[in-house]
PDB file of all heavy atoms in Angstrom:
ATOM      1  N   ALA A   1       0.822  -1.218  -0.009  1.00  0.00           N
ATOM      2  CA  ALA A   1       0.002  -0.009   0.006  1.00  0.00           C
ATOM      3  C   ALA A   1       0.858   1.249  -0.006  1.00  0.00           C
ATOM      4  O   ALA A   1       0.550   2.248  -0.675  1.00  0.00           O
ATOM      5  CB  ALA A   1      -0.943  -0.002   1.211  1.00  0.00           C
ATOM      6  N   THR A   2       1.956   1.223   0.773  1.00  0.00           N
ATOM      7  CA  THR A   2       2.871   2.397   0.826  1.00  0.00           C
ATOM      8  C   THR A   2       3.564   2.597  -0.512  1.00  0.00           C
ATOM      9  O   THR A   2       3.661   3.748  -0.987  1.00  0.00           O
ATOM     10  CB  THR A   2       3.903   2.201   1.937  1.00  0.00           C
ATOM     11  OG1 THR A   2       3.233   2.075   3.190  1.00  0.00           O
ATOM     12  CG2 THR A   2       4.874   3.363   2.001  1.00  0.00           C
ATOM     13  N   LEU A   3       4.022   1.537  -1.143  1.00  0.00           N
ATOM     14  CA  LEU A   3       4.698   1.643  -2.425  1.00  0.00           C
ATOM     15  C   LEU A   3       3.730   2.163  -3.502  1.00  0.00           C
ATOM     16  O   LEU A   3       4.108   3.013  -4.322  1.00  0.00           O
ATOM     17  CB  LEU A   3       5.243   0.264  -2.843  1.00  0.00           C
ATOM     18  CG  LEU A   3       6.402  -0.276  -2.004  1.00  0.00           C
ATOM     19  CD1 LEU A   3       6.699  -1.713  -2.367  1.00  0.00           C
ATOM     20  CD2 LEU A   3       7.637   0.582  -2.159  1.00  0.00           C
ATOM     21  N   ILE A   4       2.498   1.693  -3.465  1.00  0.00           N
ATOM     22  CA  ILE A   4       1.471   2.197  -4.423  1.00  0.00           C
ATOM     23  C   ILE A   4       1.218   3.695  -4.209  1.00  0.00           C
ATOM     24  O   ILE A   4       1.156   4.477  -5.136  1.00  0.00           O
ATOM     25  CB  ILE A   4       0.186   1.386  -4.273  1.00  0.00           C
ATOM     26  CG1 ILE A   4       0.396  -0.053  -4.791  1.00  0.00           C
ATOM     27  CG2 ILE A   4      -0.965   2.039  -5.071  1.00  0.00           C
ATOM     28  CD1 ILE A   4      -0.743  -0.989  -4.500  1.00  0.00           C
ATOM     29  N   ARG A   5       1.097   4.083  -2.917  1.00  0.00           N
ATOM     30  CA  ARG A   5       0.819   5.482  -2.587  1.00  0.00           C
ATOM     31  C   ARG A   5       1.957   6.388  -3.033  1.00  0.00           C
ATOM     32  O   ARG A   5       1.749   7.532  -3.464  1.00  0.00           O
ATOM     33  CB  ARG A   5       0.569   5.631  -1.083  1.00  0.00           C
ATOM     34  CG  ARG A   5       0.121   7.031  -0.689  1.00  0.00           C
ATOM     35  CD  ARG A   5      -0.400   7.077   0.735  1.00  0.00           C
ATOM     36  NE  ARG A   5       0.610   6.696   1.713  1.00  0.00           N
ATOM     37  CZ  ARG A   5       0.625   5.595   2.429  1.00  0.00           C
ATOM     38  NH1 ARG A   5      -0.347   4.683   2.250  1.00  0.00           N
ATOM     39  NH2 ARG A   5       1.570   5.355   3.315  1.00  0.00           N
ATOM     40  N   LEU A   6       3.191   5.892  -2.917  1.00  0.00           N
ATOM     41  CA  LEU A   6       4.359   6.681  -3.343  1.00  0.00           C
ATOM     42  C   LEU A   6       4.647   6.612  -4.830  1.00  0.00           C
ATOM     43  O   LEU A   6       5.527   7.278  -5.332  1.00  0.00           O
ATOM     44  CB  LEU A   6       5.591   6.218  -2.558  1.00  0.00           C
ATOM     45  CG  LEU A   6       5.587   6.456  -1.032  1.00  0.00           C
ATOM     46  CD1 LEU A   6       6.787   5.802  -0.394  1.00  0.00           C
ATOM     47  CD2 LEU A   6       5.538   7.921  -0.719  1.00  0.00           C
ATOM     48  N   GLY A   7       3.894   5.755  -5.517  1.00  0.00           N
ATOM     49  CA  GLY A   7       4.092   5.611  -6.966  1.00  0.00           C
ATOM     50  C   GLY A   7       5.354   4.864  -7.341  1.00  0.00           C
ATOM     51  O   GLY A   7       5.917   5.116  -8.428  1.00  0.00           O
ATOM     52  N   ILE A   8       5.803   3.973  -6.479  1.00  0.00           N
ATOM     53  CA  ILE A   8       7.040   3.204  -6.728  1.00  0.00           C
ATOM     54  C   ILE A   8       6.683   1.858  -7.346  1.00  0.00           C
ATOM     55  O   ILE A   8       5.931   1.093  -6.784  1.00  0.00           O
ATOM     56  CB  ILE A   8       7.827   2.980  -5.403  1.00  0.00           C
ATOM     57  CG1 ILE A   8       8.270   4.330  -4.832  1.00  0.00           C
ATOM     58  CG2 ILE A   8       9.032   2.107  -5.652  1.00  0.00           C
ATOM     59  CD1 ILE A   8       8.896   4.223  -3.441  1.00  0.00           C
ATOM     60  N   PRO A   9       7.198   1.540  -8.555  1.00  0.00           N
ATOM     61  CA  PRO A   9       6.916   0.238  -9.155  1.00  0.00           C
ATOM     62  C   PRO A   9       7.551  -0.879  -8.354  1.00  0.00           C
ATOM     63  O   PRO A   9       8.665  -0.749  -7.855  1.00  0.00           O
ATOM     64  CB  PRO A   9       7.551   0.351 -10.549  1.00  0.00           C
ATOM     65  CG  PRO A   9       8.564   1.438 -10.436  1.00  0.00           C
ATOM     66  CD  PRO A   9       8.082   2.391  -9.390  1.00  0.00           C
ATOM     67  N   PHE A  10       6.827  -1.997  -8.241  1.00  0.00           N
ATOM     68  CA  PHE A  10       7.362  -3.113  -7.450  1.00  0.00           C
ATOM     69  C   PHE A  10       6.798  -4.435  -7.942  1.00  0.00           C
ATOM     70  O   PHE A  10       5.737  -4.523  -8.569  1.00  0.00           O
ATOM     71  CB  PHE A  10       7.026  -2.930  -5.961  1.00  0.00           C
ATOM     72  CG  PHE A  10       5.561  -3.016  -5.642  1.00  0.00           C
ATOM     73  CD1 PHE A  10       5.006  -4.167  -5.114  1.00  0.00           C
ATOM     74  CD2 PHE A  10       4.729  -1.924  -5.831  1.00  0.00           C
ATOM     75  CE1 PHE A  10       3.674  -4.266  -4.792  1.00  0.00           C
ATOM     76  CE2 PHE A  10       3.364  -1.974  -5.511  1.00  0.00           C
ATOM     77  CZ  PHE A  10       2.845  -3.174  -4.985  1.00  0.00           C
ATOM     78  N   ALA A  11       7.549  -5.510  -7.646  1.00  0.00           N
ATOM     79  CA  ALA A  11       7.137  -6.866  -7.910  1.00  0.00           C
ATOM     80  C   ALA A  11       7.059  -7.598  -6.569  1.00  0.00           C
ATOM     81  O   ALA A  11       7.706  -7.171  -5.586  1.00  0.00           O
ATOM     82  CB  ALA A  11       8.094  -7.580  -8.863  1.00  0.00           C
ATOM     83  N   VAL A  12       6.317  -8.702  -6.513  1.00  0.00           N
ATOM     84  CA  VAL A  12       6.146  -9.434  -5.258  1.00  0.00           C
ATOM     85  C   VAL A  12       6.453 -10.912  -5.466  1.00  0.00           C
ATOM     86  O   VAL A  12       5.998 -11.520  -6.420  1.00  0.00           O
ATOM     87  CB  VAL A  12       4.715  -9.291  -4.726  1.00  0.00           C
ATOM     88  CG1 VAL A  12       4.556 -10.110  -3.420  1.00  0.00           C
ATOM     89  CG2 VAL A  12       4.383  -7.833  -4.436  1.00  0.00           C
ATOM     90  N   TRP A  13       7.259 -11.469  -4.553  1.00  0.00           N
ATOM     91  CA  TRP A  13       7.498 -12.911  -4.513  1.00  0.00           C
ATOM     92  C   TRP A  13       6.999 -13.399  -3.150  1.00  0.00           C
ATOM     93  O   TRP A  13       7.581 -13.107  -2.124  1.00  0.00           O
ATOM     94  CB  TRP A  13       8.971 -13.219  -4.666  1.00  0.00           C
ATOM     95  CG  TRP A  13       9.305 -14.699  -4.679  1.00  0.00           C
ATOM     96  CD1 TRP A  13       8.452 -15.746  -4.735  1.00  0.00           C
ATOM     97  CD2 TRP A  13      10.627 -15.266  -4.673  1.00  0.00           C
ATOM     98  NE1 TRP A  13       9.131 -16.926  -4.752  1.00  0.00           N
ATOM     99  CE2 TRP A  13      10.474 -16.664  -4.706  1.00  0.00           C
ATOM    100  CE3 TRP A  13      11.903 -14.707  -4.622  1.00  0.00           C
ATOM    101  CZ2 TRP A  13      11.578 -17.519  -4.687  1.00  0.00           C
ATOM    102  CZ3 TRP A  13      12.994 -15.575  -4.605  1.00  0.00           C
ATOM    103  CH2 TRP A  13      12.824 -16.968  -4.642  1.00  0.00           C
ATOM    104  N   HIS A  14       5.871 -14.095  -3.146  1.00  0.00           N
ATOM    105  CA  HIS A  14       5.276 -14.571  -1.908  1.00  0.00           C
ATOM    106  C   HIS A  14       4.960 -16.023  -2.058  1.00  0.00           C
ATOM    107  O   HIS A  14       4.219 -16.429  -2.958  1.00  0.00           O
ATOM    108  CB  HIS A  14       3.985 -13.792  -1.603  1.00  0.00           C
ATOM    109  CG  HIS A  14       3.340 -14.136  -0.316  1.00  0.00           C
ATOM    110  ND1 HIS A  14       3.870 -13.732   0.897  1.00  0.00           N
ATOM    111  CD2 HIS A  14       2.232 -14.876  -0.014  1.00  0.00           C
ATOM    112  CE1 HIS A  14       3.089 -14.164   1.891  1.00  0.00           C
ATOM    113  NE2 HIS A  14       2.118 -14.877   1.347  1.00  0.00           N
ATOM    114  N   GLU A  15       5.504 -16.872  -1.171  1.00  0.00           N
ATOM    115  CA  GLU A  15       5.276 -18.308  -1.293  1.00  0.00           C
ATOM    116  C   GLU A  15       3.914 -18.675  -0.711  1.00  0.00           C
ATOM    117  O   GLU A  15       3.721 -18.637   0.465  1.00  0.00           O
ATOM    118  CB  GLU A  15       6.378 -19.116  -0.631  1.00  0.00           C
ATOM    119  CG  GLU A  15       6.666 -18.751   0.811  1.00  0.00           C
ATOM    120  CD  GLU A  15       7.632 -19.715   1.460  1.00  0.00           C
ATOM    121  OE1 GLU A  15       8.153 -20.619   0.758  1.00  0.00           O
ATOM    122  OE2 GLU A  15       7.898 -19.588   2.662  1.00  0.00           O
ATOM    123  N   GLY A  16       2.990 -19.017  -1.611  1.00  0.00           N
ATOM    124  CA  GLY A  16       1.673 -19.412  -1.161  1.00  0.00           C
ATOM    125  C   GLY A  16       0.607 -18.431  -1.572  1.00  0.00           C
ATOM    126  O   GLY A  16       0.848 -17.335  -2.033  1.00  0.00           O
ATOM    127  N   PRO A  17      -0.675 -18.824  -1.394  1.00  0.00           N
ATOM    128  CA  PRO A  17      -1.808 -17.984  -1.792  1.00  0.00           C
ATOM    129  C   PRO A  17      -2.047 -16.813  -0.837  1.00  0.00           C
ATOM    130  O   PRO A  17      -1.592 -16.828   0.295  1.00  0.00           O
ATOM    131  CB  PRO A  17      -2.995 -18.953  -1.748  1.00  0.00           C
ATOM    132  CG  PRO A  17      -2.613 -19.942  -0.688  1.00  0.00           C
ATOM    133  CD  PRO A  17      -1.118 -20.100  -0.795  1.00  0.00           C
ATOM    134  N   THR A  18      -2.725 -15.815  -1.308  1.00  0.00           N
ATOM    135  CA  THR A  18      -3.137 -14.705  -0.494  1.00  0.00           C
ATOM    136  C   THR A  18      -4.497 -14.207  -0.977  1.00  0.00           C
ATOM    137  O   THR A  18      -4.845 -14.423  -2.148  1.00  0.00           O
ATOM    138  CB  THR A  18      -2.095 -13.552  -0.557  1.00  0.00           C
ATOM    139  OG1 THR A  18      -2.485 -12.527   0.387  1.00  0.00           O
ATOM    140  CG2 THR A  18      -2.029 -12.966  -1.937  1.00  0.00           C
ATOM    141  N   LYS A  19      -5.272 -13.620  -0.103  1.00  0.00           N
ATOM    142  CA  LYS A  19      -6.632 -13.229  -0.452  1.00  0.00           C
ATOM    143  C   LYS A  19      -6.686 -12.150  -1.538  1.00  0.00           C
ATOM    144  O   LYS A  19      -7.447 -12.224  -2.469  1.00  0.00           O
ATOM    145  CB  LYS A  19      -7.395 -12.754   0.808  1.00  0.00           C
ATOM    146  CG  LYS A  19      -7.680 -13.865   1.805  1.00  0.00           C
ATOM    147  CD  LYS A  19      -8.440 -13.305   3.006  1.00  0.00           C
ATOM    148  CE  LYS A  19      -8.755 -14.421   4.010  1.00  0.00           C
ATOM    149  NZ  LYS A  19      -9.461 -13.928   5.186  1.00  0.00           N
ATOM    150  N   ARG A  20      -5.816 -11.153  -1.380  1.00  0.00           N
ATOM    151  CA  ARG A  20      -5.829 -10.033  -2.344  1.00  0.00           C
ATOM    152  C   ARG A  20      -4.402  -9.762  -2.811  1.00  0.00           C
ATOM    153  O   ARG A  20      -3.476  -9.662  -2.018  1.00  0.00           O
ATOM    154  CB  ARG A  20      -6.391  -8.780  -1.705  1.00  0.00           C
ATOM    155  CG  ARG A  20      -7.873  -8.885  -1.338  1.00  0.00           C
ATOM    156  CD  ARG A  20      -8.383  -7.550  -0.787  1.00  0.00           C
ATOM    157  NE  ARG A  20      -9.801  -7.627  -0.436  1.00  0.00           N
ATOM    158  CZ  ARG A  20     -10.488  -6.615   0.101  1.00  0.00           C
ATOM    159  NH1 ARG A  20      -9.871  -5.472   0.353  1.00  0.00           N
ATOM    160  NH2 ARG A  20     -11.772  -6.767   0.388  1.00  0.00           N
ATOM    161  N   ARG A  21      -4.287  -9.623  -4.121  1.00  0.00           N
ATOM    162  CA  ARG A  21      -2.976  -9.271  -4.684  1.00  0.00           C
ATOM    163  C   ARG A  21      -3.004  -7.793  -5.076  1.00  0.00           C
ATOM    164  O   ARG A  21      -3.911  -7.317  -5.709  1.00  0.00           O
ATOM    165  CB  ARG A  21      -2.707 -10.108  -5.912  1.00  0.00           C
ATOM    166  CG  ARG A  21      -2.572 -11.612  -5.642  1.00  0.00           C
ATOM    167  CD  ARG A  21      -2.177 -12.345  -6.897  1.00  0.00           C
ATOM    168  NE  ARG A  21      -2.057 -13.772  -6.669  1.00  0.00           N
ATOM    169  CZ  ARG A  21      -1.653 -14.653  -7.589  1.00  0.00           C
ATOM    170  NH1 ARG A  21      -1.359 -14.211  -8.837  1.00  0.00           N
ATOM    171  NH2 ARG A  21      -1.547 -15.935  -7.301  1.00  0.00           N
ATOM    172  N   PRO A  22      -1.932  -7.075  -4.724  1.00  0.00           N
ATOM    173  CA  PRO A  22      -1.871  -5.667  -5.117  1.00  0.00           C
ATOM    174  C   PRO A  22      -1.584  -5.512  -6.598  1.00  0.00           C
ATOM    175  O   PRO A  22      -1.070  -6.433  -7.230  1.00  0.00           O
ATOM    176  CB  PRO A  22      -0.703  -5.124  -4.261  1.00  0.00           C
ATOM    177  CG  PRO A  22       0.171  -6.329  -4.090  1.00  0.00           C
ATOM    178  CD  PRO A  22      -0.768  -7.498  -3.967  1.00  0.00           C
ATOM    179  N   LYS A  23      -1.884  -4.367  -7.136  1.00  0.00           N
ATOM    180  CA  LYS A  23      -1.526  -4.089  -8.534  1.00  0.00           C
ATOM    181  C   LYS A  23      -0.046  -3.799  -8.578  1.00  0.00           C
ATOM    182  O   LYS A  23       0.438  -2.796  -8.029  1.00  0.00           O
ATOM    183  CB  LYS A  23      -2.305  -2.882  -9.036  1.00  0.00           C
ATOM    184  CG  LYS A  23      -3.817  -3.163  -9.143  1.00  0.00           C
ATOM    185  CD  LYS A  23      -4.558  -1.942  -9.664  1.00  0.00           C
ATOM    186  CE  LYS A  23      -6.048  -2.233  -9.784  1.00  0.00           C
ATOM    187  NZ  LYS A  23      -6.808  -1.045 -10.269  1.00  0.00           N
ATOM    188  N   CYS A  24       0.708  -4.701  -9.231  1.00  0.00           N
ATOM    189  CA  CYS A  24       2.167  -4.563  -9.252  1.00  0.00           C
ATOM    190  C   CYS A  24       2.733  -5.044 -10.586  1.00  0.00           C
ATOM    191  O   CYS A  24       1.958  -5.523 -11.455  1.00  0.00           O
ATOM    192  CB  CYS A  24       2.787  -5.353  -8.090  1.00  0.00           C
ATOM    193  SG  CYS A  24       2.392  -7.093  -8.064  1.00  0.00           S
ATOM    194  N   LEU A  25       4.005  -4.900 -10.750  1.00  0.00           N
ATOM    195  CA  LEU A  25       4.640  -5.326 -11.999  1.00  0.00           C
ATOM    196  C   LEU A  25       4.487  -6.812 -12.262  1.00  0.00           C
ATOM    197  O   LEU A  25       4.248  -7.242 -13.400  1.00  0.00           O
ATOM    198  CB  LEU A  25       6.156  -5.014 -11.968  1.00  0.00           C
ATOM    199  CG  LEU A  25       6.555  -3.536 -11.839  1.00  0.00           C
ATOM    200  CD1 LEU A  25       8.045  -3.406 -11.571  1.00  0.00           C
ATOM    201  CD2 LEU A  25       6.187  -2.773 -13.116  1.00  0.00           C
ATOM    202  N   TYR A  26       4.627  -7.616 -11.190  1.00  0.00           N
ATOM    203  CA  TYR A  26       4.603  -9.065 -11.357  1.00  0.00           C
ATOM    204  C   TYR A  26       4.401  -9.682  -9.998  1.00  0.00           C
ATOM    205  O   TYR A  26       4.911  -9.211  -8.993  1.00  0.00           O
ATOM    206  CB  TYR A  26       5.941  -9.537 -11.948  1.00  0.00           C
ATOM    207  CG  TYR A  26       6.090 -11.025 -12.118  1.00  0.00           C
ATOM    208  CD1 TYR A  26       5.330 -11.737 -13.006  1.00  0.00           C
ATOM    209  CD2 TYR A  26       7.029 -11.721 -11.349  1.00  0.00           C
ATOM    210  CE1 TYR A  26       5.485 -13.122 -13.152  1.00  0.00           C
ATOM    211  CE2 TYR A  26       7.209 -13.085 -11.491  1.00  0.00           C
ATOM    212  CZ  TYR A  26       6.431 -13.784 -12.395  1.00  0.00           C
ATOM    213  OH  TYR A  26       6.571 -15.147 -12.532  1.00  0.00           O
ATOM    214  N   TRP A  27       3.617 -10.795  -9.981  1.00  0.00           N
ATOM    215  CA  TRP A  27       3.348 -11.515  -8.715  1.00  0.00           C
ATOM    216  C   TRP A  27       3.805 -12.965  -8.909  1.00  0.00           C
ATOM    217  O   TRP A  27       3.445 -13.607  -9.900  1.00  0.00           O
ATOM    218  CB  TRP A  27       1.872 -11.474  -8.366  1.00  0.00           C
ATOM    219  CG  TRP A  27       1.541 -12.258  -7.132  1.00  0.00           C
ATOM    220  CD1 TRP A  27       1.354 -13.621  -7.022  1.00  0.00           C
ATOM    221  CD2 TRP A  27       1.348 -11.747  -5.812  1.00  0.00           C
ATOM    222  NE1 TRP A  27       1.084 -13.964  -5.733  1.00  0.00           N
ATOM    223  CE2 TRP A  27       1.068 -12.836  -4.978  1.00  0.00           C
ATOM    224  CE3 TRP A  27       1.396 -10.470  -5.255  1.00  0.00           C
ATOM    225  CZ2 TRP A  27       0.812 -12.710  -3.605  1.00  0.00           C
ATOM    226  CZ3 TRP A  27       1.169 -10.317  -3.900  1.00  0.00           C
ATOM    227  CH2 TRP A  27       0.879 -11.432  -3.098  1.00  0.00           C
ATOM    228  N   CYS A  28       4.586 -13.477  -7.963  1.00  0.00           N
ATOM    229  CA  CYS A  28       5.063 -14.848  -8.031  1.00  0.00           C
ATOM    230  C   CYS A  28       4.692 -15.576  -6.748  1.00  0.00           C
ATOM    231  O   CYS A  28       4.965 -15.060  -5.655  1.00  0.00           O
ATOM    232  CB  CYS A  28       6.591 -14.841  -8.226  1.00  0.00           C
ATOM    233  SG  CYS A  28       7.307 -16.491  -8.210  1.00  0.00           S
ATOM    234  N   SER A  29       4.095 -16.778  -6.865  1.00  0.00           N
ATOM    235  CA  SER A  29       3.650 -17.511  -5.683  1.00  0.00           C
ATOM    236  C   SER A  29       4.464 -18.780  -5.448  1.00  0.00           C
ATOM    237  O   SER A  29       4.072 -19.679  -4.711  1.00  0.00           O
ATOM    238  CB  SER A  29       2.174 -17.879  -5.814  1.00  0.00           C
ATOM    239  OG  SER A  29       1.376 -16.734  -5.892  1.00  0.00           O
ATOM    240  N   ASP A  30       5.650 -18.916  -6.112  1.00  0.00           N
ATOM    241  CA  ASP A  30       6.465 -20.107  -5.951  1.00  0.00           C
ATOM    242  C   ASP A  30       7.150 -20.166  -4.584  1.00  0.00           C
ATOM    243  O   ASP A  30       7.465 -19.108  -4.026  1.00  0.00           O
ATOM    244  CB  ASP A  30       7.510 -20.157  -7.045  1.00  0.00           C
ATOM    245  CG  ASP A  30       6.930 -20.427  -8.406  1.00  0.00           C
ATOM    246  OD1 ASP A  30       6.086 -19.614  -8.843  1.00  0.00           O
ATOM    247  OD2 ASP A  30       7.308 -21.406  -9.039  1.00  0.00           O
ATOM    248  N   PRO A  31       7.378 -21.356  -4.031  1.00  0.00           N
ATOM    249  CA  PRO A  31       8.053 -21.484  -2.713  1.00  0.00           C
ATOM    250  C   PRO A  31       9.484 -20.993  -2.790  1.00  0.00           C
ATOM    251  O   PRO A  31      10.107 -21.008  -3.866  1.00  0.00           O
ATOM    252  CB  PRO A  31       7.985 -22.990  -2.406  1.00  0.00           C
ATOM    253  CG  PRO A  31       7.786 -23.639  -3.749  1.00  0.00           C
ATOM    254  CD  PRO A  31       6.987 -22.678  -4.584  1.00  0.00           C
ATOM    255  N   PHE A  32      10.018 -20.556  -1.647  1.00  0.00           N
ATOM    256  CA  PHE A  32      11.401 -20.110  -1.577  1.00  0.00           C
ATOM    257  C   PHE A  32      12.339 -21.341  -1.617  1.00  0.00           C
ATOM    258  O   PHE A  32      12.176 -22.257  -0.857  1.00  0.00           O
ATOM    259  CB  PHE A  32      11.668 -19.358  -0.272  1.00  0.00           C
ATOM    260  CG  PHE A  32      10.844 -18.090  -0.073  1.00  0.00           C
ATOM    261  CD1 PHE A  32      10.416 -17.715   1.176  1.00  0.00           C
ATOM    262  CD2 PHE A  32      10.483 -17.315  -1.179  1.00  0.00           C
ATOM    263  CE1 PHE A  32       9.663 -16.606   1.357  1.00  0.00           C
ATOM    264  CE2 PHE A  32       9.711 -16.184  -1.004  1.00  0.00           C
ATOM    265  CZ  PHE A  32       9.293 -15.806   0.262  1.00  0.00           C
ATOM    266  N   PRO A  33      13.335 -21.339  -2.525  1.00  0.00           N
ATOM    267  CA  PRO A  33      14.323 -22.411  -2.513  1.00  0.00           C
ATOM    268  C   PRO A  33      15.101 -22.446  -1.204  1.00  0.00           C
ATOM    269  O   PRO A  33      15.176 -21.451  -0.470  1.00  0.00           O
ATOM    270  CB  PRO A  33      15.256 -22.044  -3.696  1.00  0.00           C
ATOM    271  CG  PRO A  33      14.405 -21.166  -4.579  1.00  0.00           C
ATOM    272  CD  PRO A  33      13.546 -20.382  -3.632  1.00  0.00           C
TER     273      PRO A  33
END
Protein backbone atom coordinates (compact mmCIF):
# COMPACT_ATOMS: atom_id res chain seq x y z
CA ALA A 1 0.00 0.00 0.00
CA THR A 2 2.86 2.38 0.83
CA LEU A 3 4.69 1.63 -2.44
CA ILE A 4 1.48 2.20 -4.42
CA ARG A 5 0.81 5.48 -2.59
CA LEU A 6 4.36 6.68 -3.33
CA GLY A 7 4.09 5.62 -6.97
CA ILE A 8 7.05 3.21 -6.73
CA PRO A 9 6.92 0.25 -9.16
CA PHE A 10 7.36 -3.11 -7.45
CA ALA A 11 7.12 -6.88 -7.90
CA VAL A 12 6.16 -9.44 -5.26
CA TRP A 13 7.49 -12.92 -4.50
CA HIS A 14 5.26 -14.56 -1.91
CA GLU A 15 5.28 -18.31 -1.30
CA GLY A 16 1.66 -19.41 -1.17
CA PRO A 17 -1.80 -17.98 -1.80
CA THR A 18 -3.15 -14.69 -0.49
CA LYS A 19 -6.64 -13.23 -0.45
CA ARG A 20 -5.82 -10.04 -2.34
CA ARG A 21 -2.99 -9.27 -4.69
CA PRO A 22 -1.87 -5.66 -5.11
CA LYS A 23 -1.52 -4.09 -8.53
CA CYS A 24 2.17 -4.56 -9.25
CA LEU A 25 4.65 -5.33 -12.00
CA TYR A 26 4.61 -9.07 -11.35
CA TRP A 27 3.35 -11.51 -8.72
CA CYS A 28 5.07 -14.85 -8.03
CA SER A 29 3.66 -17.52 -5.68
CA ASP A 30 6.46 -20.12 -5.95
CA PRO A 31 8.05 -21.47 -2.72
CA PHE A 32 11.40 -20.11 -1.57
CA PRO A 33 14.33 -22.41 -2.52
